[in-house]
């Protein structure tokens, strides 16, 4: 996991840099922008619920090119992010973008977008198998650490879905 200072740190004693990781679960978002931080909130909920050997967690923060090495080093990525796709707040969608053009337009606006990140990976020939969980948000509140009720209520379902998917993906190595 990438800590707040940008340092690499694994979550939990079960994951070490020596153990092979076939699935990387990345939560992205900005915790200081209310619902826009839902990917990080979901990742934190997964920290205590993810004893899946072969899977690891990464706090991707606001995305960025610094995630390129991480996504290029594993065959499968599960990503969690907020989206403004016109759905009711808290709506969960699982997407399987196989190409950069398959990314939804409503993904949260990070400094260096996820579409750009995966475009760079594709240019390097290292586009992983991607499973993208999006949680619909309606309003972004700057300088707010809390999630709205509908977005917060989506977290347990996202955690269950990511956990089940990670088990299937690790088993299908």
N, C-alpha and C. Protein backbone atom coordinates (compact mmCIF):
# COMPACT_ATOMS: atom_id res chain seq x y z
N UNK A 1 0.85 -1.17 0.00
CA UNK A 1 0.00 0.00 0.00
C UNK A 1 0.89 1.23 0.00
N UNK A 2 0.51 2.26 -0.69
CA UNK A 2 1.27 3.50 -0.68
C UNK A 2 0.70 4.36 0.44
N UNK A 3 1.54 4.70 1.38
CA UNK A 3 1.12 5.49 2.52
C UNK A 3 1.00 6.96 2.17
N UNK A 4 0.54 7.77 3.13
CA UNK A 4 0.32 9.18 2.85
C UNK A 4 1.57 9.94 2.44
N UNK A 5 2.73 9.45 2.83
CA UNK A 5 3.96 10.12 2.44
C UNK A 5 4.52 9.61 1.13
N UNK A 6 3.78 8.71 0.47
CA UNK A 6 4.24 8.18 -0.80
C UNK A 6 5.10 6.93 -0.67
N UNK A 7 5.35 6.49 0.57
CA UNK A 7 6.18 5.32 0.76
C UNK A 7 5.38 4.05 0.53
N UNK A 8 6.05 3.00 0.07
CA UNK A 8 5.38 1.73 -0.14
C UNK A 8 5.28 0.99 1.18
N UNK A 9 4.12 0.46 1.46
CA UNK A 9 3.92 -0.32 2.67
C UNK A 9 2.84 -1.35 2.38
N UNK A 10 3.07 -2.60 2.77
CA UNK A 10 2.06 -3.63 2.60
C UNK A 10 1.05 -3.56 3.73
N UNK A 11 -0.15 -4.02 3.44
CA UNK A 11 -1.21 -4.03 4.44
C UNK A 11 -1.26 -5.42 5.04
N UNK A 12 -1.16 -5.52 6.35
CA UNK A 12 -1.29 -6.79 7.03
C UNK A 12 -0.04 -7.64 6.92
N UNK A 13 0.10 -8.57 7.86
CA UNK A 13 1.29 -9.40 7.91
C UNK A 13 1.30 -10.46 6.82
N UNK A 14 0.14 -10.78 6.23
CA UNK A 14 0.07 -11.85 5.24
C UNK A 14 0.71 -11.44 3.91
N UNK A 15 0.89 -10.16 3.66
CA UNK A 15 1.42 -9.72 2.38
C UNK A 15 2.81 -9.15 2.56
N UNK A 16 3.75 -9.78 1.91
CA UNK A 16 5.11 -9.27 1.95
C UNK A 16 5.58 -9.11 0.51
N UNK A 17 6.61 -8.34 0.33
CA UNK A 17 7.10 -8.13 -1.02
C UNK A 17 7.64 -9.41 -1.63
N UNK A 18 7.95 -10.41 -0.79
CA UNK A 18 8.47 -11.68 -1.30
C UNK A 18 7.36 -12.57 -1.84
N UNK A 19 6.11 -12.36 -1.39
CA UNK A 19 5.03 -13.22 -1.85
C UNK A 19 4.55 -12.74 -3.22
N UNK A 20 4.27 -13.70 -4.13
CA UNK A 20 3.83 -13.30 -5.47
C UNK A 20 2.42 -12.71 -5.41
N UNK A 21 2.24 -11.60 -6.09
CA UNK A 21 0.94 -10.94 -6.14
C UNK A 21 0.41 -11.08 -7.56
N UNK A 22 -0.77 -11.70 -7.69
CA UNK A 22 -1.36 -11.84 -9.01
C UNK A 22 -2.54 -10.89 -9.19
N UNK A 23 -3.06 -10.34 -8.08
CA UNK A 23 -4.18 -9.40 -8.13
C UNK A 23 -3.84 -8.21 -7.24
N UNK A 24 -3.92 -7.02 -7.81
CA UNK A 24 -3.70 -5.80 -7.05
C UNK A 24 -5.02 -5.06 -6.96
N UNK A 25 -5.43 -4.75 -5.74
CA UNK A 25 -6.68 -4.02 -5.51
C UNK A 25 -6.31 -2.59 -5.16
N UNK A 26 -6.77 -1.65 -5.99
CA UNK A 26 -6.41 -0.25 -5.83
C UNK A 26 -7.67 0.57 -5.57
N UNK A 27 -7.64 1.33 -4.48
CA UNK A 27 -8.69 2.30 -4.22
C UNK A 27 -8.14 3.67 -4.55
N UNK A 28 -8.89 4.47 -5.31
CA UNK A 28 -8.44 5.82 -5.64
C UNK A 28 -9.49 6.82 -5.23
N UNK A 29 -9.04 8.03 -4.99
CA UNK A 29 -9.95 9.11 -4.61
C UNK A 29 -9.27 10.10 -3.70
N UNK A 30 -9.99 11.15 -3.39
CA UNK A 30 -9.47 12.22 -2.54
C UNK A 30 -10.32 12.27 -1.28
N UNK A 31 -9.74 11.86 -0.16
CA UNK A 31 -10.46 11.83 1.11
C UNK A 31 -10.94 13.20 1.57
N UNK A 32 -10.36 14.25 1.05
CA UNK A 32 -10.74 15.61 1.46
C UNK A 32 -11.89 16.18 0.63
N UNK A 33 -12.50 15.34 -0.22
CA UNK A 33 -13.56 15.82 -1.11
C UNK A 33 -14.85 15.02 -0.94
N UNK A 34 -15.14 14.58 0.28
CA UNK A 34 -16.39 13.88 0.54
C UNK A 34 -16.50 12.59 -0.25
N UNK A 35 -17.59 12.44 -1.00
CA UNK A 35 -17.86 11.20 -1.74
C UNK A 35 -16.79 10.86 -2.77
N UNK A 36 -16.02 11.82 -3.21
CA UNK A 36 -14.95 11.57 -4.18
C UNK A 36 -13.90 10.62 -3.61
N UNK A 37 -13.86 10.48 -2.29
CA UNK A 37 -12.89 9.60 -1.64
C UNK A 37 -13.40 8.20 -1.39
N UNK A 38 -14.52 7.81 -1.99
CA UNK A 38 -15.13 6.52 -1.69
C UNK A 38 -14.20 5.34 -2.00
N UNK A 39 -13.36 5.43 -3.00
CA UNK A 39 -12.44 4.35 -3.31
C UNK A 39 -11.47 4.07 -2.18
N UNK A 40 -11.01 5.13 -1.52
CA UNK A 40 -10.09 4.98 -0.38
C UNK A 40 -10.85 4.44 0.83
N UNK A 41 -12.07 4.92 1.05
CA UNK A 41 -12.88 4.39 2.16
C UNK A 41 -13.12 2.89 1.97
N UNK A 42 -13.43 2.47 0.75
CA UNK A 42 -13.64 1.05 0.47
C UNK A 42 -12.36 0.25 0.70
N UNK A 43 -11.24 0.79 0.28
CA UNK A 43 -9.95 0.11 0.48
C UNK A 43 -9.67 -0.07 1.96
N UNK A 44 -9.94 0.94 2.75
CA UNK A 44 -9.72 0.84 4.20
C UNK A 44 -10.62 -0.24 4.81
N UNK A 45 -11.84 -0.35 4.33
CA UNK A 45 -12.73 -1.41 4.82
C UNK A 45 -12.20 -2.78 4.42
N UNK A 46 -11.55 -2.88 3.26
CA UNK A 46 -10.99 -4.15 2.81
C UNK A 46 -9.75 -4.56 3.61
N UNK A 47 -9.05 -3.60 4.20
CA UNK A 47 -7.81 -3.91 4.90
C UNK A 47 -7.98 -5.00 5.95
N UNK A 48 -9.11 -4.98 6.66
CA UNK A 48 -9.32 -5.98 7.70
C UNK A 48 -10.08 -7.19 7.17
N UNK A 49 -10.50 -7.15 5.92
CA UNK A 49 -11.36 -8.20 5.38
C UNK A 49 -10.74 -8.92 4.19
N UNK A 50 -9.46 -8.78 3.95
CA UNK A 50 -8.89 -9.35 2.73
C UNK A 50 -7.74 -10.31 2.99
N UNK A 51 -8.00 -11.42 3.63
CA UNK A 51 -6.92 -12.41 3.73
C UNK A 51 -6.92 -13.32 2.50
N UNK A 52 -6.59 -12.74 1.35
CA UNK A 52 -6.54 -13.51 0.11
C UNK A 52 -5.08 -13.62 -0.32
N UNK A 53 -4.45 -14.78 -0.09
CA UNK A 53 -3.07 -14.94 -0.55
C UNK A 53 -3.00 -14.73 -2.06
N UNK A 54 -2.06 -13.93 -2.48
CA UNK A 54 -1.92 -13.62 -3.90
C UNK A 54 -2.56 -12.30 -4.29
N UNK A 55 -3.24 -11.64 -3.34
CA UNK A 55 -3.84 -10.32 -3.60
C UNK A 55 -3.22 -9.32 -2.64
N UNK A 56 -3.10 -8.10 -3.08
CA UNK A 56 -2.55 -7.04 -2.24
C UNK A 56 -3.37 -5.78 -2.46
N UNK A 57 -3.27 -4.87 -1.51
CA UNK A 57 -4.01 -3.61 -1.53
C UNK A 57 -3.08 -2.45 -1.78
N UNK A 58 -3.58 -1.43 -2.49
CA UNK A 58 -2.80 -0.23 -2.75
C UNK A 58 -3.69 0.98 -2.64
N UNK A 59 -3.31 1.92 -1.78
CA UNK A 59 -3.99 3.20 -1.69
C UNK A 59 -3.45 4.06 -2.81
N UNK A 60 -4.25 4.24 -3.85
CA UNK A 60 -3.81 4.98 -5.02
C UNK A 60 -4.01 6.48 -4.91
N UNK A 61 -4.62 6.95 -3.80
CA UNK A 61 -4.82 8.38 -3.62
C UNK A 61 -5.55 8.98 -4.80
N UNK A 62 -5.02 10.02 -5.36
CA UNK A 62 -5.65 10.68 -6.50
C UNK A 62 -5.08 10.18 -7.83
N UNK A 63 -4.71 8.93 -7.84
CA UNK A 63 -4.21 8.33 -9.07
C UNK A 63 -2.85 8.89 -9.42
N UNK A 64 -2.60 9.01 -10.64
CA UNK A 64 -1.35 9.60 -11.07
C UNK A 64 -0.43 8.60 -11.71
N UNK A 65 0.54 9.14 -12.36
CA UNK A 65 1.50 8.32 -13.09
C UNK A 65 2.31 7.44 -12.15
N UNK A 66 2.36 7.79 -10.86
CA UNK A 66 3.10 6.96 -9.91
C UNK A 66 2.47 5.58 -9.75
N UNK A 67 1.25 5.37 -10.24
CA UNK A 67 0.63 4.05 -10.18
C UNK A 67 1.02 3.17 -11.36
N UNK A 68 1.69 3.74 -12.34
CA UNK A 68 2.03 2.99 -13.56
C UNK A 68 2.85 1.75 -13.25
N UNK A 69 3.87 1.88 -12.44
CA UNK A 69 4.71 0.72 -12.12
C UNK A 69 3.89 -0.36 -11.43
N UNK A 70 3.02 0.04 -10.51
CA UNK A 70 2.21 -0.93 -9.77
C UNK A 70 1.26 -1.69 -10.70
N UNK A 71 0.54 -1.00 -11.58
CA UNK A 71 -0.42 -1.69 -12.44
C UNK A 71 0.28 -2.48 -13.54
N UNK A 72 1.50 -2.10 -13.87
CA UNK A 72 2.24 -2.80 -14.92
C UNK A 72 2.93 -4.05 -14.39
N UNK A 73 2.99 -4.20 -13.07
CA UNK A 73 3.73 -5.32 -12.50
C UNK A 73 2.86 -6.50 -12.12
N UNK A 74 1.55 -6.39 -12.33
CA UNK A 74 0.64 -7.49 -11.98
C UNK A 74 -0.25 -7.81 -13.17
N UNK A 75 -0.69 -9.05 -13.27
CA UNK A 75 -1.54 -9.41 -14.41
C UNK A 75 -2.99 -8.95 -14.26
N UNK A 76 -3.46 -8.76 -13.01
CA UNK A 76 -4.87 -8.44 -12.79
C UNK A 76 -5.01 -7.31 -11.78
N UNK A 77 -5.88 -6.36 -12.09
CA UNK A 77 -6.11 -5.21 -11.21
C UNK A 77 -7.61 -5.08 -10.96
N UNK A 78 -7.94 -4.88 -9.69
CA UNK A 78 -9.29 -4.49 -9.30
C UNK A 78 -9.16 -3.06 -8.81
N UNK A 79 -9.92 -2.16 -9.39
CA UNK A 79 -9.84 -0.75 -9.01
C UNK A 79 -11.21 -0.28 -8.53
N UNK A 80 -11.19 0.59 -7.52
CA UNK A 80 -12.42 1.15 -6.96
C UNK A 80 -12.32 2.67 -7.03
N UNK A 81 -13.36 3.32 -7.61
CA UNK A 81 -13.32 4.77 -7.77
C UNK A 81 -14.73 5.32 -7.80
N UNK A 82 -14.84 6.60 -7.53
CA UNK A 82 -16.11 7.32 -7.65
C UNK A 82 -16.35 7.67 -9.11
N UNK A 83 -17.61 7.81 -9.46
CA UNK A 83 -17.96 8.25 -10.80
C UNK A 83 -19.17 9.17 -10.74
N UNK A 84 -19.20 10.10 -11.64
CA UNK A 84 -20.37 10.98 -11.80
C UNK A 84 -20.98 10.59 -13.14
N UNK A 85 -21.73 9.50 -13.11
CA UNK A 85 -22.27 8.93 -14.34
C UNK A 85 -23.78 9.13 -14.50
N UNK A 86 -24.38 9.95 -13.64
CA UNK A 86 -25.80 10.22 -13.73
C UNK A 86 -26.67 9.21 -12.99
N UNK A 87 -26.06 8.16 -12.46
CA UNK A 87 -26.81 7.18 -11.67
C UNK A 87 -27.07 7.75 -10.28
N UNK A 88 -28.06 7.21 -9.55
CA UNK A 88 -28.28 7.66 -8.18
C UNK A 88 -27.05 7.41 -7.31
N UNK A 89 -26.79 8.30 -6.38
CA UNK A 89 -25.64 8.15 -5.48
C UNK A 89 -25.66 6.78 -4.81
N UNK A 90 -24.52 6.13 -4.79
CA UNK A 90 -24.39 4.82 -4.17
C UNK A 90 -24.56 3.66 -5.14
N UNK A 91 -24.90 3.93 -6.40
CA UNK A 91 -25.04 2.87 -7.39
C UNK A 91 -23.66 2.29 -7.70
N UNK A 92 -23.55 0.97 -7.61
CA UNK A 92 -22.29 0.28 -7.85
C UNK A 92 -22.34 -0.35 -9.24
N UNK A 93 -21.28 -0.15 -10.00
CA UNK A 93 -21.18 -0.74 -11.33
C UNK A 93 -19.82 -1.43 -11.44
N UNK A 94 -19.81 -2.61 -12.02
CA UNK A 94 -18.55 -3.31 -12.31
C UNK A 94 -18.33 -3.27 -13.81
N UNK A 95 -17.23 -2.69 -14.21
CA UNK A 95 -16.86 -2.56 -15.62
C UNK A 95 -15.61 -3.38 -15.89
N UNK A 96 -15.46 -3.81 -17.14
CA UNK A 96 -14.27 -4.55 -17.56
C UNK A 96 -13.65 -3.85 -18.75
N UNK A 97 -13.08 -2.66 -18.55
CA UNK A 97 -12.46 -1.97 -19.70
C UNK A 97 -11.28 -2.77 -20.24
N UNK A 98 -11.37 -3.15 -21.48
CA UNK A 98 -10.28 -3.92 -22.10
C UNK A 98 -9.34 -3.01 -22.89
N UNK A 99 -9.82 -1.79 -23.17
CA UNK A 99 -9.02 -0.81 -23.90
C UNK A 99 -9.25 0.55 -23.25
N UNK A 100 -8.40 1.47 -23.53
CA UNK A 100 -8.50 2.80 -22.94
C UNK A 100 -9.82 3.47 -23.31
N UNK A 101 -10.30 3.28 -24.52
CA UNK A 101 -11.55 3.93 -24.94
C UNK A 101 -12.76 3.37 -24.20
N UNK A 102 -12.60 2.25 -23.51
CA UNK A 102 -13.71 1.64 -22.77
C UNK A 102 -13.94 2.29 -21.40
N UNK A 103 -13.05 3.18 -20.97
CA UNK A 103 -13.21 3.82 -19.66
C UNK A 103 -14.40 4.76 -19.70
N UNK A 104 -15.20 4.77 -18.63
CA UNK A 104 -16.35 5.69 -18.60
C UNK A 104 -15.88 7.13 -18.49
N UNK A 105 -16.63 8.04 -19.04
CA UNK A 105 -16.27 9.46 -19.01
C UNK A 105 -16.47 10.08 -17.63
N UNK A 106 -17.32 9.52 -16.80
CA UNK A 106 -17.66 10.15 -15.53
C UNK A 106 -16.77 9.82 -14.37
N UNK A 107 -15.62 9.15 -14.62
CA UNK A 107 -14.74 8.84 -13.50
C UNK A 107 -14.30 10.12 -12.81
N UNK A 108 -14.05 10.00 -11.52
CA UNK A 108 -13.69 11.19 -10.76
C UNK A 108 -12.46 11.86 -11.37
N UNK A 109 -12.42 13.16 -11.23
CA UNK A 109 -11.38 13.96 -11.89
C UNK A 109 -10.15 14.06 -11.01
N UNK A 110 -9.18 13.23 -11.28
CA UNK A 110 -7.90 13.29 -10.58
C UNK A 110 -6.94 14.09 -11.45
N UNK A 111 -5.83 14.52 -10.85
CA UNK A 111 -4.87 15.33 -11.60
C UNK A 111 -4.42 14.64 -12.88
N UNK A 112 -4.08 13.40 -12.78
CA UNK A 112 -3.69 12.60 -13.94
C UNK A 112 -4.70 11.47 -13.98
N UNK A 113 -5.64 11.52 -14.91
CA UNK A 113 -6.78 10.62 -14.92
C UNK A 113 -6.42 9.15 -15.10
N UNK A 114 -7.34 8.31 -14.66
CA UNK A 114 -7.14 6.87 -14.80
C UNK A 114 -7.06 6.47 -16.27
N UNK A 115 -7.82 7.14 -17.09
CA UNK A 115 -7.77 6.86 -18.53
C UNK A 115 -6.34 7.10 -19.04
N UNK A 116 -5.72 8.19 -18.59
CA UNK A 116 -4.34 8.50 -19.00
C UNK A 116 -3.36 7.46 -18.46
N UNK A 117 -3.58 7.04 -17.21
CA UNK A 117 -2.71 6.05 -16.59
C UNK A 117 -2.72 4.75 -17.39
N UNK A 118 -3.92 4.28 -17.73
CA UNK A 118 -4.01 3.03 -18.47
C UNK A 118 -3.60 3.19 -19.92
N UNK A 119 -3.71 4.39 -20.46
CA UNK A 119 -3.19 4.65 -21.81
C UNK A 119 -1.67 4.49 -21.81
N UNK A 120 -1.02 4.99 -20.77
CA UNK A 120 0.43 4.84 -20.67
C UNK A 120 0.81 3.36 -20.54
N UNK A 121 0.04 2.61 -19.74
CA UNK A 121 0.31 1.18 -19.60
C UNK A 121 0.13 0.45 -20.93
N UNK A 122 -0.91 0.84 -21.68
CA UNK A 122 -1.15 0.21 -22.98
C UNK A 122 0.00 0.52 -23.95
N UNK A 123 0.50 1.76 -23.92
CA UNK A 123 1.63 2.12 -24.78
C UNK A 123 2.86 1.28 -24.47
N UNK A 124 3.00 0.90 -23.20
CA UNK A 124 4.13 0.07 -22.79
C UNK A 124 3.85 -1.42 -23.01
N UNK A 125 2.66 -1.74 -23.49
CA UNK A 125 2.29 -3.13 -23.69
C UNK A 125 2.03 -3.86 -22.39
N UNK A 126 1.63 -3.12 -21.35
CA UNK A 126 1.45 -3.71 -20.02
C UNK A 126 0.07 -3.40 -19.44
N UNK A 127 -0.97 -3.46 -20.26
CA UNK A 127 -2.33 -3.21 -19.82
C UNK A 127 -2.84 -4.46 -19.11
N UNK A 128 -3.09 -4.39 -17.81
CA UNK A 128 -3.50 -5.59 -17.07
C UNK A 128 -4.97 -5.92 -17.32
N UNK A 129 -5.36 -7.12 -16.93
CA UNK A 129 -6.79 -7.46 -16.90
C UNK A 129 -7.40 -6.57 -15.82
N UNK A 130 -8.38 -5.77 -16.18
CA UNK A 130 -8.89 -4.75 -15.27
C UNK A 130 -10.36 -4.98 -14.94
N UNK A 131 -10.65 -4.88 -13.66
CA UNK A 131 -12.01 -4.93 -13.14
C UNK A 131 -12.21 -3.63 -12.38
N UNK A 132 -13.11 -2.78 -12.85
CA UNK A 132 -13.29 -1.44 -12.29
C UNK A 132 -14.64 -1.33 -11.61
N UNK A 133 -14.61 -1.19 -10.28
CA UNK A 133 -15.84 -0.93 -9.53
C UNK A 133 -16.00 0.58 -9.42
N UNK A 134 -17.13 1.08 -9.89
CA UNK A 134 -17.41 2.50 -9.72
C UNK A 134 -18.59 2.64 -8.77
N UNK A 135 -18.55 3.69 -7.97
CA UNK A 135 -19.65 4.03 -7.07
C UNK A 135 -20.10 5.43 -7.48
N UNK A 136 -21.37 5.52 -7.85
CA UNK A 136 -21.90 6.80 -8.32
C UNK A 136 -21.97 7.81 -7.18
N UNK A 137 -21.55 9.02 -7.47
CA UNK A 137 -21.66 10.15 -6.54
C UNK A 137 -22.39 11.27 -7.26
N UNK A 138 -23.08 12.08 -6.49
CA UNK A 138 -23.82 13.19 -7.10
C UNK A 138 -23.16 14.53 -6.82
N UNK A 139 -22.67 14.71 -5.59
CA UNK A 139 -22.11 16.00 -5.19
C UNK A 139 -20.76 15.77 -4.53
N UNK A 140 -19.83 16.65 -4.84
CA UNK A 140 -18.51 16.60 -4.21
C UNK A 140 -18.41 17.80 -3.28
N UNK A 141 -18.01 17.52 -2.04
CA UNK A 141 -17.92 18.57 -1.03
C UNK A 141 -16.47 18.79 -0.63
N UNK A 142 -15.85 19.87 -1.09
CA UNK A 142 -14.47 20.14 -0.70
C UNK A 142 -14.34 20.29 0.81
N UNK A 143 -13.23 19.81 1.31
CA UNK A 143 -12.88 19.88 2.73
C UNK A 143 -13.89 19.14 3.61
N UNK A 144 -14.36 18.02 3.12
CA UNK A 144 -15.31 17.18 3.84
C UNK A 144 -14.73 15.76 3.88
N UNK A 145 -14.63 15.17 5.06
CA UNK A 145 -14.06 13.84 5.20
C UNK A 145 -15.09 12.73 5.20
N UNK A 146 -16.37 13.08 5.32
CA UNK A 146 -17.42 12.07 5.43
C UNK A 146 -18.06 11.77 4.08
N UNK A 147 -18.56 10.54 3.98
CA UNK A 147 -19.32 10.15 2.80
C UNK A 147 -20.79 10.44 3.05
N UNK A 148 -21.52 10.72 1.98
CA UNK A 148 -22.97 10.87 2.10
C UNK A 148 -23.56 9.51 2.47
N UNK A 149 -24.78 9.51 2.99
CA UNK A 149 -25.40 8.25 3.42
C UNK A 149 -25.51 7.22 2.29
N UNK A 150 -25.99 7.59 1.09
CA UNK A 150 -26.11 6.55 0.06
C UNK A 150 -24.76 6.01 -0.41
N UNK A 151 -23.76 6.86 -0.47
CA UNK A 151 -22.43 6.40 -0.91
C UNK A 151 -21.79 5.54 0.18
N UNK A 152 -21.90 5.96 1.43
CA UNK A 152 -21.38 5.16 2.54
C UNK A 152 -22.06 3.81 2.64
N UNK A 153 -23.36 3.77 2.35
CA UNK A 153 -24.11 2.51 2.41
C UNK A 153 -23.66 1.53 1.34
N UNK A 154 -23.01 1.99 0.29
CA UNK A 154 -22.54 1.11 -0.78
C UNK A 154 -21.26 0.36 -0.40
N UNK A 155 -20.53 0.86 0.59
CA UNK A 155 -19.22 0.28 0.93
C UNK A 155 -19.30 -1.22 1.28
N UNK A 156 -20.20 -1.67 2.15
CA UNK A 156 -20.22 -3.11 2.46
C UNK A 156 -20.42 -4.00 1.23
N UNK A 157 -21.27 -3.59 0.30
CA UNK A 157 -21.49 -4.38 -0.92
C UNK A 157 -20.24 -4.37 -1.80
N UNK A 158 -19.58 -3.24 -1.90
CA UNK A 158 -18.33 -3.18 -2.68
C UNK A 158 -17.29 -4.10 -2.05
N UNK A 159 -17.18 -4.07 -0.74
CA UNK A 159 -16.20 -4.93 -0.05
C UNK A 159 -16.51 -6.40 -0.32
N UNK A 160 -17.76 -6.81 -0.20
CA UNK A 160 -18.13 -8.21 -0.47
C UNK A 160 -17.81 -8.58 -1.92
N UNK A 161 -18.16 -7.71 -2.84
CA UNK A 161 -17.94 -8.00 -4.26
C UNK A 161 -16.46 -8.07 -4.61
N UNK A 162 -15.68 -7.14 -4.09
CA UNK A 162 -14.23 -7.14 -4.36
C UNK A 162 -13.58 -8.38 -3.75
N UNK A 163 -13.98 -8.72 -2.54
CA UNK A 163 -13.42 -9.88 -1.86
C UNK A 163 -13.70 -11.16 -2.66
N UNK A 164 -14.95 -11.34 -3.10
CA UNK A 164 -15.32 -12.52 -3.88
C UNK A 164 -14.57 -12.54 -5.22
N UNK A 165 -14.49 -11.39 -5.88
CA UNK A 165 -13.78 -11.32 -7.16
C UNK A 165 -12.30 -11.62 -6.98
N UNK A 166 -11.68 -11.09 -5.95
CA UNK A 166 -10.25 -11.34 -5.71
C UNK A 166 -10.00 -12.83 -5.51
N UNK A 167 -10.87 -13.51 -4.77
CA UNK A 167 -10.72 -14.97 -4.59
C UNK A 167 -10.80 -15.69 -5.93
N UNK A 168 -11.77 -15.30 -6.78
CA UNK A 168 -11.91 -15.96 -8.09
C UNK A 168 -10.70 -15.70 -8.98
N UNK A 169 -10.23 -14.44 -8.98
CA UNK A 169 -9.11 -14.10 -9.84
C UNK A 169 -7.82 -14.78 -9.42
N UNK A 170 -7.58 -14.86 -8.12
CA UNK A 170 -6.37 -15.53 -7.63
C UNK A 170 -6.43 -17.02 -7.97
N UNK A 171 -7.62 -17.61 -7.81
CA UNK A 171 -7.77 -19.04 -8.10
C UNK A 171 -7.61 -19.34 -9.58
N UNK A 172 -7.85 -18.36 -10.45
CA UNK A 172 -7.78 -18.59 -11.89
C UNK A 172 -6.40 -18.29 -12.48
N UNK A 173 -5.40 -18.13 -11.64
CA UNK A 173 -4.05 -17.82 -12.14
C UNK A 173 -3.77 -18.67 -13.29
